[in-house]
Amino acid sequence: MRLIGNLLWFILGGLVMGLAWWLVGIIAFLTVVGIPWGRACFVMGNFSFFPFGKEAINRRDLTTRSDIGTSGFGTVGNVVWFILAGVWLAIGHVISALACFITIIGIPFGIQHLKLADIALFPIGKTIVSKEVARAAREANAHAEVAAMRRR
């Protein structure tokens, strides 16, 4: 089912928005100081090509460690990103979502575009994993939190 969803998605809108992400990534790489944002653009662009069966998750939730993207530097990077490119990519995903919502069969694609619009606003500090890995990370974090509460 994921394969069919991803193929339909790619043909009916994923290609255009994935290329938009890659274009922004190329522009970011050309500025040299934008290389960290460009890397995130390529990761999210690949996700935008074939999103079904995958999920964006905060790297801190996945690894239980902070890194530069999940620290204060990541927050600053996300603010810069939001102003320069995030809002525009999010608008592209929202417009694509509205076009998908016009048809009944396009509703799942519209919902996916809205998820991608949310990610487009603040992508720094996120990584793409399978839905199963994301669920396992959340469950492990929940178990650890419950265990910490019980020790108090």
Protein backbone atom coordinates (compact mmCIF):
# COMPACT_ATOMS: atom_id res chain seq x y z
CA MET A 1 0.00 0.00 0.00
CA ARG A 2 2.88 2.37 0.81
CA LEU A 3 4.39 1.76 -2.62
CA ILE A 4 1.13 2.63 -4.38
CA GLY A 5 0.63 5.70 -2.18
CA ASN A 6 4.18 6.89 -2.81
CA LEU A 7 3.92 6.38 -6.58
CA LEU A 8 0.62 8.25 -6.79
CA TRP A 9 2.01 10.96 -4.50
CA PHE A 10 5.15 11.37 -6.63
CA ILE A 11 3.13 11.76 -9.83
CA LEU A 12 0.40 13.98 -8.36
CA GLY A 13 2.45 16.58 -6.51
CA GLY A 14 5.39 15.09 -4.67
CA LEU A 15 7.74 15.64 -7.59
CA VAL A 16 7.04 19.38 -7.76
CA MET A 17 7.40 20.04 -4.04
CA GLY A 18 10.44 17.75 -3.73
CA LEU A 19 12.11 19.71 -6.51
CA ALA A 20 11.17 22.95 -4.74
CA TRP A 21 12.97 21.69 -1.62
CA TRP A 22 16.01 20.74 -3.71
CA LEU A 23 16.05 24.14 -5.43
CA VAL A 24 16.10 25.90 -2.07
CA GLY A 25 18.83 23.48 -0.97
CA ILE A 26 20.98 24.32 -4.00
CA ILE A 27 20.55 28.04 -3.34
CA ALA A 28 21.49 27.49 0.31
CA PHE A 29 24.63 25.57 -0.69
CA LEU A 30 25.66 28.36 -3.07
CA THR A 31 25.70 30.83 -0.19
CA VAL A 32 28.19 28.62 1.72
CA VAL A 33 26.85 29.83 5.10
CA GLY A 34 23.58 28.14 4.16
CA ILE A 35 25.10 24.65 3.90
CA PRO A 36 23.42 23.37 7.12
CA TRP A 37 20.05 24.52 5.78
CA GLY A 38 20.84 23.06 2.36
CA ARG A 39 21.53 19.66 3.89
CA ALA A 40 18.16 19.78 5.65
CA CYS A 41 16.53 20.76 2.35
CA PHE A 42 17.85 17.68 0.59
CA VAL A 43 16.73 15.40 3.42
CA MET A 44 13.26 16.95 3.47
CA GLY A 45 13.16 17.03 -0.34
CA ASN A 46 13.74 13.27 -0.45
CA PHE A 47 11.02 12.89 2.18
CA SER A 48 8.73 15.07 0.08
CA PHE A 49 9.24 12.80 -2.94
CA PHE A 50 8.12 9.63 -1.11
CA PRO A 51 6.60 10.39 2.33
CA PHE A 52 4.30 7.44 2.94
CA GLY A 53 5.67 5.01 5.52
CA LYS A 54 8.11 7.59 6.89
CA GLU A 55 7.91 10.25 9.54
CA ALA A 56 9.89 13.31 10.60
CA ILE A 57 11.00 13.06 14.22
CA ASN A 58 13.08 15.29 16.43
CA ARG A 59 16.60 13.87 16.65
CA ARG A 60 16.59 14.34 20.42
CA ASP A 61 13.52 12.09 20.65
CA LEU A 62 15.26 9.50 18.52
CA THR A 63 18.73 9.49 20.08
CA THR A 64 17.93 10.90 23.57
CA ARG A 65 20.92 13.23 23.08
CA SER A 66 21.17 16.85 22.04
CA ASP A 67 23.20 17.88 19.03
CA ILE A 68 23.80 21.19 17.30
CA GLY A 69 20.48 20.99 15.44
CA THR A 70 18.46 20.30 18.59
CA SER A 71 20.26 22.91 20.71
CA GLY A 72 19.86 26.66 20.86
CA PHE A 73 21.81 26.90 17.59
CA GLY A 74 19.11 24.80 15.95
CA THR A 75 16.45 27.16 17.26
CA VAL A 76 18.31 30.16 15.82
CA GLY A 77 18.75 28.24 12.57
CA ASN A 78 15.04 27.49 12.43
CA VAL A 79 14.18 31.18 12.96
CA VAL A 80 16.49 32.19 10.10
CA TRP A 81 15.08 29.36 7.98
CA PHE A 82 11.49 30.39 8.73
CA ILE A 83 12.11 33.94 7.54
CA LEU A 84 14.12 33.12 4.41
CA ALA A 85 12.58 29.93 3.02
CA GLY A 86 10.35 28.01 5.41
CA VAL A 87 7.29 30.16 5.00
CA TRP A 88 7.49 29.92 1.20
CA LEU A 89 7.84 26.16 1.13
CA ALA A 90 5.01 25.85 3.65
CA ILE A 91 2.79 28.04 1.44
CA GLY A 92 3.61 25.76 -1.52
CA HIS A 93 2.56 22.71 0.52
CA VAL A 94 -0.63 24.41 1.72
CA ILE A 95 -1.60 25.36 -1.84
CA SER A 96 -0.89 21.79 -2.93
CA ALA A 97 -2.99 20.50 -0.01
CA LEU A 98 -5.93 22.69 -1.03
CA ALA A 99 -5.67 21.41 -4.60
CA CYS A 100 -5.70 17.83 -3.27
CA PHE A 101 -8.66 18.48 -0.97
CA ILE A 102 -10.82 19.48 -3.94
CA THR A 103 -11.14 15.80 -4.86
CA ILE A 104 -12.21 13.08 -2.47
CA ILE A 105 -9.40 10.75 -3.50
CA GLY A 106 -6.83 13.49 -2.90
CA ILE A 107 -7.66 13.97 0.80
CA PRO A 108 -4.85 11.67 2.09
CA PHE A 109 -2.41 13.55 -0.13
CA GLY A 110 -3.70 16.87 1.17
CA ILE A 111 -3.18 15.72 4.74
CA GLN A 112 0.39 14.70 3.88
CA HIS A 113 1.02 18.11 2.32
CA LEU A 114 -0.14 19.77 5.55
CA LYS A 115 2.28 17.60 7.56
CA LEU A 116 5.06 18.65 5.18
CA ALA A 117 4.02 22.30 5.50
CA ASP A 118 4.47 22.01 9.26
CA ILE A 119 7.91 20.47 8.77
CA ALA A 120 8.80 23.15 6.20
CA LEU A 121 8.48 25.84 8.85
CA PHE A 122 11.12 24.40 11.23
CA PRO A 123 13.11 21.48 9.72
CA ILE A 124 16.41 21.89 11.58
CA GLY A 125 16.88 19.21 14.25
CA LYS A 126 14.57 16.70 12.58
CA THR A 127 15.39 13.48 10.82
CA ILE A 128 13.35 11.10 8.69
CA VAL A 129 12.78 7.53 9.85
CA SER A 130 10.25 4.81 9.19
CA LYS A 131 6.97 5.07 11.08
CA GLU A 132 7.91 1.94 13.03
CA VAL A 133 11.19 3.45 14.23
CA ALA A 134 9.44 6.69 15.23
CA ARG A 135 6.81 4.75 17.18
CA ALA A 136 9.48 2.63 18.91
CA ALA A 137 11.45 5.76 19.89
CA ARG A 138 8.36 7.39 21.36
CA GLU A 139 7.47 4.22 23.29
CA ALA A 140 11.01 3.89 24.65
CA ASN A 141 10.98 7.54 25.74
CA ALA A 142 7.61 7.06 27.40
CA HIS A 143 8.84 3.97 29.27
CA ALA A 144 11.94 5.85 30.41
CA GLU A 145 9.82 8.76 31.61
CA VAL A 146 7.47 6.46 33.54
CA ALA A 147 10.46 4.68 35.11
CA ALA A 148 11.92 8.03 36.16
CA MET A 149 8.60 9.04 37.73
CA ARG A 150 8.38 5.79 39.66
CA ARG A 151 11.87 6.32 41.13
CA ARG A 152 10.81 9.65 42.67
